[in-house]
Structures are given as C-alpha cells and as structure tokens.
Amino acid sequence: MATPALATVLSDSAREPADVSRFVELVHEGGPGAHSYVLLLGLEQLDPAELLRTVERGVPFEALARLQRNLELSQIDLLDVVQIPQRTLTRRKREGRLKPDETDRLLRAGRLFGRAIELFGGEPAAARRWLATPQAVLGGAAPWELARTEVGAREVEAVIGRIEHGVYS
C-alpha cells in the first residue's frame, strides 16, 4: 500500500497531460536527451537533423495548443512569452502551421519548461511555479518574462545550471 505522501505524488502525476508525463518518465529514468523537451509540444523529432527540418518547415498549430495546455498558461501569457500577436495567431490557426521563427520561440519555451522540470526532479507543478515567480537572481523578474528573448532564456538556463550544481545564486 502506498504511503499518503507517495499516493499524493502518484495522483499528482496522474493528472498531468500525457506529454508532460512522458517527459517526466524520461527525467526519472536518468535524464532526457538534449532535445526531449519537444515531447512537451507533442512532437516526436528527437534527432537533431530532423528537428532542424521541422523548425524550417514550422510546427503544426497544434504544437502551440499542446504546449499551452502543458504549461498551464493562458493563451495571452504564452503568446507574450513566444512573442506572437493575437492577430498573427488567428492567421496561423487558419493556416495550420507556425512560421520557422515562431516555431523557434515556441521550442525555446518548451526547452525552458523541460529544464525547469529537470531542476525540480520531475515535478512539473514546481517547475511551473518557479517559471512564473519573480526570482531575485534574475533581478526580480520571473523566468517567463526573460524567456521572451534568446538572451533572457539563456540567462534563465544559466541560473538553472547554477542551481543544479549548488552554486549560490
């Protein structure tokens, strides 16, 4: 019989979307690969060359919807992070596919979410909270605020790396 604490963890993970649960399984199995975060968008291209071709084509619109669901962000908040105006989103929905630059920004958000899940030992809820909460080490900004640019996203990843290695931040 599961202990109450274990039962809580099991029931929490059971409520996660399938994409997130699959990524968390990889984390618990010893760490996901370099591009496993694409699972959080419902993509399967783990091979770098194939992923590059996918970015060049642009991902299906559904990838944005899946990441939004997995992040538990409002559409407005996700569009702010990936810098896609609402009118452009309407066009992309009609076209069924994002442009390569939009795909790149969407993948960046997925990559940060994946890194945060890893940081918190496979706990997506903790990762979501951390990404949305102002962090002193980031000058009082929430990681999602910085994730709107590649430079900001790299700074968030650097902080995650320092935390993982026990460097006081």
N, C-alpha and C. Protein backbone atom coordinates (compact mmCIF):
# COMPACT_ATOMS: atom_id res chain seq x y z
N MET A 1 0.85 -1.18 0.00
CA MET A 1 0.00 0.00 0.00
C MET A 1 0.89 1.24 0.00
N ALA A 2 0.51 2.24 -0.81
CA ALA A 2 1.30 3.48 -0.93
C ALA A 2 1.12 4.33 0.32
N THR A 3 2.20 4.97 0.74
CA THR A 3 2.10 5.90 1.86
C THR A 3 1.31 7.11 1.40
N PRO A 4 0.73 7.89 2.32
CA PRO A 4 -0.03 9.09 1.91
C PRO A 4 0.78 10.04 1.04
N ALA A 5 2.06 10.25 1.39
CA ALA A 5 2.89 11.16 0.58
C ALA A 5 3.09 10.60 -0.82
N LEU A 6 3.38 9.30 -0.91
CA LEU A 6 3.56 8.67 -2.22
C LEU A 6 2.26 8.70 -3.00
N ALA A 7 1.16 8.46 -2.34
CA ALA A 7 -0.14 8.49 -3.03
C ALA A 7 -0.40 9.87 -3.60
N THR A 8 -0.02 10.93 -2.88
CA THR A 8 -0.20 12.29 -3.39
C THR A 8 0.63 12.51 -4.64
N VAL A 9 1.90 12.07 -4.60
CA VAL A 9 2.77 12.23 -5.76
C VAL A 9 2.21 11.46 -6.95
N LEU A 10 1.75 10.23 -6.69
CA LEU A 10 1.21 9.42 -7.79
C LEU A 10 -0.05 10.06 -8.36
N SER A 11 -0.93 10.57 -7.51
CA SER A 11 -2.16 11.17 -8.04
C SER A 11 -1.86 12.47 -8.76
N ASP A 12 -0.85 13.25 -8.29
CA ASP A 12 -0.47 14.48 -8.98
C ASP A 12 0.05 14.17 -10.38
N SER A 13 0.92 13.17 -10.50
CA SER A 13 1.47 12.84 -11.81
C SER A 13 0.41 12.27 -12.74
N ALA A 14 -0.59 11.61 -12.17
CA ALA A 14 -1.66 11.05 -12.99
C ALA A 14 -2.52 12.15 -13.61
N ARG A 15 -2.52 13.33 -12.98
CA ARG A 15 -3.31 14.45 -13.51
C ARG A 15 -2.58 15.22 -14.60
N GLU A 16 -1.31 14.96 -14.78
CA GLU A 16 -0.54 15.67 -15.79
C GLU A 16 -0.94 15.20 -17.19
N PRO A 17 -0.90 16.13 -18.16
CA PRO A 17 -1.14 15.72 -19.55
C PRO A 17 -0.13 14.65 -19.98
N ALA A 18 -0.50 13.84 -20.95
CA ALA A 18 0.34 12.72 -21.39
C ALA A 18 1.73 13.18 -21.82
N ASP A 19 1.81 14.32 -22.52
CA ASP A 19 3.12 14.81 -22.98
C ASP A 19 4.04 15.07 -21.79
N VAL A 20 3.50 15.69 -20.74
CA VAL A 20 4.29 16.02 -19.56
C VAL A 20 4.68 14.73 -18.83
N SER A 21 3.73 13.82 -18.69
CA SER A 21 4.03 12.55 -18.01
C SER A 21 5.13 11.79 -18.73
N ARG A 22 5.10 11.80 -20.04
CA ARG A 22 6.13 11.11 -20.81
C ARG A 22 7.50 11.74 -20.58
N PHE A 23 7.55 13.07 -20.57
CA PHE A 23 8.81 13.77 -20.31
C PHE A 23 9.31 13.47 -18.90
N VAL A 24 8.41 13.50 -17.93
CA VAL A 24 8.78 13.23 -16.54
C VAL A 24 9.34 11.81 -16.41
N GLU A 25 8.76 10.85 -17.12
CA GLU A 25 9.30 9.49 -17.11
C GLU A 25 10.75 9.47 -17.56
N LEU A 26 11.07 10.23 -18.59
CA LEU A 26 12.46 10.31 -19.06
C LEU A 26 13.37 10.91 -17.99
N VAL A 27 12.87 11.92 -17.29
CA VAL A 27 13.65 12.53 -16.21
C VAL A 27 13.94 11.48 -15.14
N HIS A 28 12.94 10.72 -14.76
CA HIS A 28 13.10 9.71 -13.71
C HIS A 28 13.96 8.53 -14.17
N GLU A 29 14.05 8.30 -15.47
CA GLU A 29 14.86 7.20 -15.99
C GLU A 29 16.33 7.58 -16.09
N GLY A 30 16.69 8.76 -15.67
CA GLY A 30 18.09 9.13 -15.69
C GLY A 30 18.39 10.33 -16.55
N GLY A 31 17.40 10.98 -17.00
CA GLY A 31 17.61 12.21 -17.74
C GLY A 31 17.21 12.10 -19.18
N PRO A 32 16.47 13.09 -19.63
CA PRO A 32 16.06 13.11 -21.03
C PRO A 32 17.24 13.50 -21.92
N GLY A 33 17.12 13.23 -23.19
CA GLY A 33 18.15 13.63 -24.14
C GLY A 33 18.11 15.13 -24.38
N ALA A 34 19.03 15.59 -25.20
CA ALA A 34 19.20 17.02 -25.44
C ALA A 34 17.94 17.69 -25.99
N HIS A 35 17.17 16.98 -26.78
CA HIS A 35 16.00 17.60 -27.41
C HIS A 35 14.69 16.95 -26.99
N SER A 36 14.70 16.26 -25.87
CA SER A 36 13.49 15.59 -25.40
C SER A 36 12.36 16.56 -25.07
N TYR A 37 12.70 17.81 -24.81
CA TYR A 37 11.68 18.81 -24.50
C TYR A 37 10.64 18.95 -25.60
N VAL A 38 10.96 18.52 -26.83
CA VAL A 38 9.98 18.61 -27.91
C VAL A 38 8.74 17.77 -27.61
N LEU A 39 8.89 16.77 -26.75
CA LEU A 39 7.74 15.97 -26.33
C LEU A 39 6.68 16.84 -25.68
N LEU A 40 7.10 17.92 -25.04
CA LEU A 40 6.17 18.82 -24.35
C LEU A 40 5.31 19.61 -25.32
N LEU A 41 5.67 19.57 -26.61
CA LEU A 41 4.88 20.21 -27.67
C LEU A 41 4.14 19.16 -28.49
N GLY A 42 4.25 17.90 -28.07
CA GLY A 42 3.60 16.83 -28.81
C GLY A 42 4.37 16.40 -30.04
N LEU A 43 5.65 16.77 -30.12
CA LEU A 43 6.47 16.41 -31.27
C LEU A 43 7.27 15.15 -30.95
N GLU A 44 7.75 14.49 -31.98
CA GLU A 44 8.50 13.24 -31.81
C GLU A 44 9.92 13.32 -32.34
N GLN A 45 10.32 14.42 -32.96
CA GLN A 45 11.62 14.53 -33.62
C GLN A 45 12.73 14.76 -32.61
N LEU A 46 13.30 13.69 -32.09
CA LEU A 46 14.40 13.82 -31.13
C LEU A 46 15.74 13.91 -31.83
N ASP A 47 15.80 13.49 -33.07
CA ASP A 47 17.03 13.56 -33.85
C ASP A 47 17.28 15.03 -34.24
N PRO A 48 18.48 15.56 -33.95
CA PRO A 48 18.74 16.98 -34.23
C PRO A 48 18.52 17.38 -35.69
N ALA A 49 18.93 16.55 -36.63
CA ALA A 49 18.75 16.89 -38.05
C ALA A 49 17.27 16.97 -38.41
N GLU A 50 16.49 16.02 -37.92
CA GLU A 50 15.05 16.03 -38.20
C GLU A 50 14.37 17.21 -37.49
N LEU A 51 14.82 17.52 -36.29
CA LEU A 51 14.26 18.66 -35.57
C LEU A 51 14.54 19.96 -36.32
N LEU A 52 15.73 20.08 -36.86
CA LEU A 52 16.08 21.27 -37.66
C LEU A 52 15.14 21.40 -38.86
N ARG A 53 14.88 20.30 -39.55
CA ARG A 53 13.95 20.33 -40.69
C ARG A 53 12.55 20.72 -40.24
N THR A 54 12.16 20.25 -39.08
CA THR A 54 10.84 20.60 -38.53
C THR A 54 10.75 22.09 -38.27
N VAL A 55 11.80 22.66 -37.69
CA VAL A 55 11.82 24.10 -37.42
C VAL A 55 11.75 24.87 -38.73
N GLU A 56 12.49 24.44 -39.72
CA GLU A 56 12.49 25.13 -41.02
C GLU A 56 11.13 25.09 -41.70
N ARG A 57 10.37 24.01 -41.48
CA ARG A 57 9.01 23.90 -42.04
C ARG A 57 8.00 24.66 -41.19
N GLY A 58 8.30 24.75 -39.89
CA GLY A 58 7.34 25.29 -38.94
C GLY A 58 6.51 24.15 -38.38
N VAL A 59 6.20 24.23 -37.10
CA VAL A 59 5.43 23.16 -36.47
C VAL A 59 3.94 23.36 -36.73
N PRO A 60 3.17 22.29 -36.66
CA PRO A 60 1.72 22.43 -36.77
C PRO A 60 1.18 23.31 -35.65
N PHE A 61 0.10 24.01 -35.91
CA PHE A 61 -0.52 24.89 -34.92
C PHE A 61 -0.80 24.14 -33.62
N GLU A 62 -1.14 22.89 -33.72
CA GLU A 62 -1.48 22.07 -32.55
C GLU A 62 -0.34 22.05 -31.52
N ALA A 63 0.90 22.20 -31.96
CA ALA A 63 2.03 22.21 -31.03
C ALA A 63 1.92 23.37 -30.04
N LEU A 64 1.46 24.52 -30.50
CA LEU A 64 1.26 25.67 -29.62
C LEU A 64 0.17 25.36 -28.61
N ALA A 65 -0.92 24.78 -29.07
CA ALA A 65 -2.03 24.45 -28.18
C ALA A 65 -1.61 23.42 -27.13
N ARG A 66 -0.81 22.45 -27.54
CA ARG A 66 -0.36 21.42 -26.60
C ARG A 66 0.60 22.01 -25.56
N LEU A 67 1.51 22.86 -25.99
CA LEU A 67 2.43 23.46 -25.03
C LEU A 67 1.65 24.35 -24.06
N GLN A 68 0.68 25.09 -24.56
CA GLN A 68 -0.13 25.93 -23.68
C GLN A 68 -0.80 25.08 -22.61
N ARG A 69 -1.39 23.97 -23.02
CA ARG A 69 -2.05 23.07 -22.07
C ARG A 69 -1.04 22.53 -21.06
N ASN A 70 0.13 22.11 -21.55
CA ASN A 70 1.14 21.51 -20.68
C ASN A 70 1.75 22.51 -19.71
N LEU A 71 1.88 23.75 -20.14
CA LEU A 71 2.42 24.80 -19.27
C LEU A 71 1.39 25.32 -18.28
N GLU A 72 0.12 25.11 -18.62
CA GLU A 72 -0.99 25.65 -17.84
C GLU A 72 -0.93 27.18 -17.80
N LEU A 73 -0.54 27.76 -18.94
CA LEU A 73 -0.54 29.21 -19.10
C LEU A 73 -1.77 29.61 -19.91
N SER A 74 -2.23 30.82 -19.69
CA SER A 74 -3.30 31.33 -20.54
C SER A 74 -2.73 31.56 -21.94
N GLN A 75 -3.60 31.62 -22.91
CA GLN A 75 -3.14 31.88 -24.27
C GLN A 75 -2.42 33.23 -24.35
N ILE A 76 -2.95 34.23 -23.67
CA ILE A 76 -2.34 35.56 -23.67
C ILE A 76 -0.93 35.50 -23.11
N ASP A 77 -0.75 34.77 -22.00
CA ASP A 77 0.58 34.67 -21.39
C ASP A 77 1.56 33.93 -22.29
N LEU A 78 1.11 32.82 -22.91
CA LEU A 78 2.01 32.09 -23.80
C LEU A 78 2.36 32.93 -25.01
N LEU A 79 1.39 33.64 -25.59
CA LEU A 79 1.68 34.49 -26.74
C LEU A 79 2.68 35.58 -26.38
N ASP A 80 2.61 36.06 -25.14
CA ASP A 80 3.58 37.05 -24.68
C ASP A 80 4.99 36.44 -24.62
N VAL A 81 5.09 35.23 -24.09
CA VAL A 81 6.39 34.57 -23.98
C VAL A 81 6.99 34.30 -25.37
N VAL A 82 6.16 33.83 -26.30
CA VAL A 82 6.69 33.47 -27.63
C VAL A 82 6.57 34.61 -28.65
N GLN A 83 6.10 35.77 -28.17
CA GLN A 83 6.07 36.97 -28.99
C GLN A 83 5.30 36.78 -30.30
N ILE A 84 4.07 36.27 -30.17
CA ILE A 84 3.18 36.14 -31.33
C ILE A 84 1.95 36.98 -31.05
N PRO A 85 1.69 38.00 -31.88
CA PRO A 85 0.48 38.82 -31.70
C PRO A 85 -0.79 37.99 -31.93
N GLN A 86 -1.86 38.37 -31.27
CA GLN A 86 -3.14 37.65 -31.37
C GLN A 86 -3.62 37.54 -32.83
N ARG A 87 -3.50 38.63 -33.59
CA ARG A 87 -3.95 38.60 -34.99
C ARG A 87 -3.14 37.61 -35.81
N THR A 88 -1.84 37.54 -35.53
CA THR A 88 -0.99 36.58 -36.22
C THR A 88 -1.39 35.16 -35.83
N LEU A 89 -1.71 34.96 -34.56
CA LEU A 89 -2.14 33.64 -34.10
C LEU A 89 -3.39 33.19 -34.84
N THR A 90 -4.31 34.10 -35.05
CA THR A 90 -5.54 33.78 -35.78
C THR A 90 -5.20 33.30 -37.19
N ARG A 91 -4.27 34.00 -37.84
CA ARG A 91 -3.84 33.58 -39.19
C ARG A 91 -3.17 32.21 -39.16
N ARG A 92 -2.30 32.01 -38.18
CA ARG A 92 -1.59 30.72 -38.08
C ARG A 92 -2.56 29.57 -37.82
N LYS A 93 -3.57 29.84 -37.03
CA LYS A 93 -4.57 28.79 -36.77
C LYS A 93 -5.27 28.42 -38.06
N ARG A 94 -5.62 29.41 -38.85
CA ARG A 94 -6.28 29.18 -40.13
C ARG A 94 -5.35 28.43 -41.09
N GLU A 95 -4.06 28.81 -41.10
CA GLU A 95 -3.07 28.17 -41.98
C GLU A 95 -2.67 26.79 -41.47
N GLY A 96 -2.80 26.56 -40.15
CA GLY A 96 -2.48 25.27 -39.56
C GLY A 96 -1.02 25.06 -39.22
N ARG A 97 -0.20 26.09 -39.36
CA ARG A 97 1.24 25.91 -39.13
C ARG A 97 1.86 27.24 -38.71
N LEU A 98 2.84 27.16 -37.80
CA LEU A 98 3.61 28.34 -37.41
C LEU A 98 4.77 28.54 -38.38
N LYS A 99 5.25 29.75 -38.46
CA LYS A 99 6.43 30.07 -39.27
C LYS A 99 7.69 29.61 -38.52
N PRO A 100 8.81 29.47 -39.23
CA PRO A 100 10.04 29.00 -38.57
C PRO A 100 10.48 29.83 -37.36
N ASP A 101 10.42 31.15 -37.44
CA ASP A 101 10.85 31.97 -36.30
C ASP A 101 9.90 31.81 -35.11
N GLU A 102 8.63 31.64 -35.37
CA GLU A 102 7.66 31.41 -34.30
C GLU A 102 7.88 30.03 -33.69
N THR A 103 8.19 29.06 -34.54
CA THR A 103 8.49 27.71 -34.08
C THR A 103 9.70 27.73 -33.16
N ASP A 104 10.72 28.46 -33.55
CA ASP A 104 11.93 28.57 -32.73
C ASP A 104 11.60 29.11 -31.34
N ARG A 105 10.77 30.14 -31.29
CA ARG A 105 10.42 30.74 -29.99
C ARG A 105 9.55 29.79 -29.16
N LEU A 106 8.69 29.03 -29.82
CA LEU A 106 7.86 28.05 -29.13
C LEU A 106 8.73 26.94 -28.55
N LEU A 107 9.69 26.48 -29.33
CA LEU A 107 10.62 25.46 -28.85
C LEU A 107 11.44 25.98 -27.67
N ARG A 108 11.80 27.25 -27.71
CA ARG A 108 12.55 27.85 -26.61
C ARG A 108 11.74 27.76 -25.31
N ALA A 109 10.45 28.07 -25.38
CA ALA A 109 9.59 27.98 -24.20
C ALA A 109 9.50 26.53 -23.72
N GLY A 110 9.37 25.60 -24.64
CA GLY A 110 9.34 24.18 -24.27
C GLY A 110 10.64 23.73 -23.63
N ARG A 111 11.77 24.22 -24.18
CA ARG A 111 13.08 23.87 -23.64
C ARG A 111 13.22 24.37 -22.20
N LEU A 112 12.79 25.59 -21.93
CA LEU A 112 12.88 26.13 -20.57
C LEU A 112 11.99 25.35 -19.60
N PHE A 113 10.80 25.00 -20.06
CA PHE A 113 9.92 24.21 -19.21
C PHE A 113 10.56 22.86 -18.90
N GLY A 114 11.14 22.24 -19.93
CA GLY A 114 11.82 20.96 -19.72
C GLY A 114 12.97 21.08 -18.74
N ARG A 115 13.78 22.12 -18.89
CA ARG A 115 14.91 22.32 -17.97
C ARG A 115 14.42 22.55 -16.54
N ALA A 116 13.32 23.30 -16.40
CA ALA A 116 12.78 23.55 -15.06
C ALA A 116 12.22 22.25 -14.46
N ILE A 117 11.59 21.41 -15.26
CA ILE A 117 11.11 20.12 -14.76
C ILE A 117 12.29 19.29 -14.26
N GLU A 118 13.38 19.28 -15.03
CA GLU A 118 14.58 18.56 -14.61
C GLU A 118 15.12 19.13 -13.29
N LEU A 119 15.18 20.46 -13.20
CA LEU A 119 15.67 21.12 -12.00
C LEU A 119 14.91 20.66 -10.76
N PHE A 120 13.61 20.52 -10.91
CA PHE A 120 12.76 20.15 -9.78
C PHE A 120 12.50 18.64 -9.72
N GLY A 121 13.40 17.87 -10.26
CA GLY A 121 13.36 16.41 -10.11
C GLY A 121 12.12 15.75 -10.69
N GLY A 122 11.62 16.30 -11.78
CA GLY A 122 10.46 15.70 -12.42
C GLY A 122 9.13 16.18 -11.87
N GLU A 123 9.13 17.33 -11.22
CA GLU A 123 7.89 17.89 -10.65
C GLU A 123 7.40 19.06 -11.50
N PRO A 124 6.52 18.81 -12.46
CA PRO A 124 6.05 19.87 -13.35
C PRO A 124 5.37 21.03 -12.63
N ALA A 125 4.63 20.75 -11.57
CA ALA A 125 3.93 21.83 -10.86
C ALA A 125 4.95 22.79 -10.23
N ALA A 126 6.02 22.25 -9.66
CA ALA A 126 7.06 23.10 -9.08
C ALA A 126 7.75 23.90 -10.17
N ALA A 127 7.97 23.28 -11.33
CA ALA A 127 8.60 23.98 -12.45
C ALA A 127 7.73 25.13 -12.92
N ARG A 128 6.43 24.88 -13.05
CA ARG A 128 5.51 25.95 -13.48
C ARG A 128 5.53 27.12 -12.51
N ARG A 129 5.50 26.81 -11.21
CA ARG A 129 5.51 27.89 -10.19
C ARG A 129 6.80 28.69 -10.29
N TRP A 130 7.93 28.01 -10.38
CA TRP A 130 9.22 28.70 -10.42
C TRP A 130 9.31 29.61 -11.65
N LEU A 131 8.88 29.11 -12.80
CA LEU A 131 8.96 29.89 -14.03
C LEU A 131 8.08 31.15 -13.98
N ALA A 132 7.03 31.11 -13.19
CA ALA A 132 6.08 32.23 -13.12
C ALA A 132 6.35 33.19 -11.96
N THR A 133 7.30 32.83 -11.09
CA THR A 133 7.55 33.60 -9.87
C THR A 133 8.79 34.48 -10.03
N PRO A 134 8.71 35.75 -9.65
CA PRO A 134 9.90 36.60 -9.70
C PRO A 134 11.05 35.98 -8.89
N GLN A 135 12.24 36.03 -9.48
CA GLN A 135 13.44 35.44 -8.87
C GLN A 135 14.47 36.54 -8.63
N ALA A 136 14.95 36.63 -7.41
CA ALA A 136 15.96 37.64 -7.08
C ALA A 136 17.18 37.51 -7.98
N VAL A 137 17.60 36.29 -8.25
CA VAL A 137 18.79 36.05 -9.07
C VAL A 137 18.61 36.56 -10.51
N LEU A 138 17.38 36.78 -10.90
CA LEU A 138 17.09 37.31 -12.24
C LEU A 138 16.68 38.79 -12.16
N GLY A 139 17.16 39.46 -11.14
CA GLY A 139 16.86 40.87 -10.99
C GLY A 139 15.41 41.14 -10.62
N GLY A 140 14.76 40.15 -10.01
CA GLY A 140 13.37 40.30 -9.60
C GLY A 140 12.37 39.97 -10.70
N ALA A 141 12.85 39.53 -11.86
CA ALA A 141 11.95 39.16 -12.96
C ALA A 141 11.59 37.68 -12.86
N ALA A 142 10.42 37.34 -13.33
CA ALA A 142 10.03 35.93 -13.44
C ALA A 142 10.74 35.35 -14.66
N PRO A 143 11.15 34.09 -14.60
CA PRO A 143 11.81 33.48 -15.77
C PRO A 143 11.02 33.64 -17.06
N TRP A 144 9.70 33.52 -17.01
CA TRP A 144 8.92 33.68 -18.24
C TRP A 144 9.07 35.08 -18.84
N GLU A 145 9.26 36.08 -18.00
CA GLU A 145 9.46 37.44 -18.52
C GLU A 145 10.73 37.53 -19.35
N LEU A 146 11.79 36.87 -18.89
CA LEU A 146 13.05 36.89 -19.61
C LEU A 146 13.03 35.98 -20.83
N ALA A 147 12.18 34.98 -20.81
CA ALA A 147 12.15 33.98 -21.89
C ALA A 147 11.65 34.54 -23.22
N ARG A 148 11.22 35.78 -23.23
CA ARG A 148 10.74 36.38 -24.48
C ARG A 148 11.87 36.62 -25.47
N THR A 149 13.11 36.63 -24.98
CA THR A 149 14.26 36.79 -25.87
C THR A 149 15.22 35.62 -25.67
N GLU A 150 16.02 35.35 -26.67
CA GLU A 150 17.01 34.27 -26.56
C GLU A 150 18.03 34.58 -25.48
N VAL A 151 18.47 35.84 -25.39
CA VAL A 151 19.43 36.24 -24.36
C VAL A 151 18.84 35.99 -22.98
N GLY A 152 17.59 36.38 -22.78
CA GLY A 152 16.94 36.17 -21.50
C GLY A 152 16.76 34.69 -21.18
N ALA A 153 16.38 33.91 -22.18
CA ALA A 153 16.20 32.47 -21.98
C ALA A 153 17.53 31.82 -21.60
N ARG A 154 18.60 32.25 -22.23
CA ARG A 154 19.93 31.70 -21.88
C ARG A 154 20.31 32.06 -20.45
N GLU A 155 19.93 33.24 -20.01
CA GLU A 155 20.21 33.63 -18.62
C GLU A 155 19.43 32.74 -17.66
N VAL A 156 18.17 32.46 -17.99
CA VAL A 156 17.36 31.55 -17.15
C VAL A 156 18.02 30.17 -17.11
N GLU A 157 18.46 29.68 -18.26
CA GLU A 157 19.12 28.37 -18.31
C GLU A 157 20.42 28.38 -17.51
N ALA A 158 21.15 29.48 -17.54
CA ALA A 158 22.38 29.59 -16.77
C ALA A 158 22.08 29.52 -15.27
N VAL A 159 21.00 30.18 -14.86
CA VAL A 159 20.61 30.13 -13.44
C VAL A 159 20.21 28.71 -13.07
N ILE A 160 19.47 28.05 -13.91
CA ILE A 160 19.09 26.66 -13.65
C ILE A 160 20.34 25.80 -13.48
N GLY A 161 21.31 25.99 -14.36
CA GLY A 161 22.56 25.24 -14.27
C GLY A 161 23.29 25.50 -12.96
N ARG A 162 23.32 26.76 -12.54
CA ARG A 162 24.00 27.10 -11.28
C ARG A 162 23.28 26.45 -10.10
N ILE A 163 21.96 26.49 -10.12
CA ILE A 163 21.19 25.88 -9.03
C ILE A 163 21.44 24.36 -9.00
N GLU A 164 21.43 23.74 -10.17
CA GLU A 164 21.68 22.29 -10.24
C GLU A 164 23.05 21.91 -9.68
N HIS A 165 24.01 22.79 -9.85
CA HIS A 165 25.36 22.49 -9.39
C HIS A 165 25.66 23.06 -8.01
N GLY A 166 24.63 23.58 -7.34
CA GLY A 166 24.79 24.05 -5.98
C GLY A 166 25.56 25.35 -5.83
N VAL A 167 25.62 26.11 -6.93
CA VAL A 167 26.29 27.40 -6.87
C VAL A 167 25.31 28.42 -6.31
N TYR A 168 25.72 29.09 -5.27
CA TYR A 168 24.86 30.10 -4.65
C TYR A 168 24.49 31.16 -5.69
N SER A 169 23.21 31.38 -5.84
CA SER A 169 22.77 32.37 -6.83
C SER A 169 21.95 33.44 -6.17
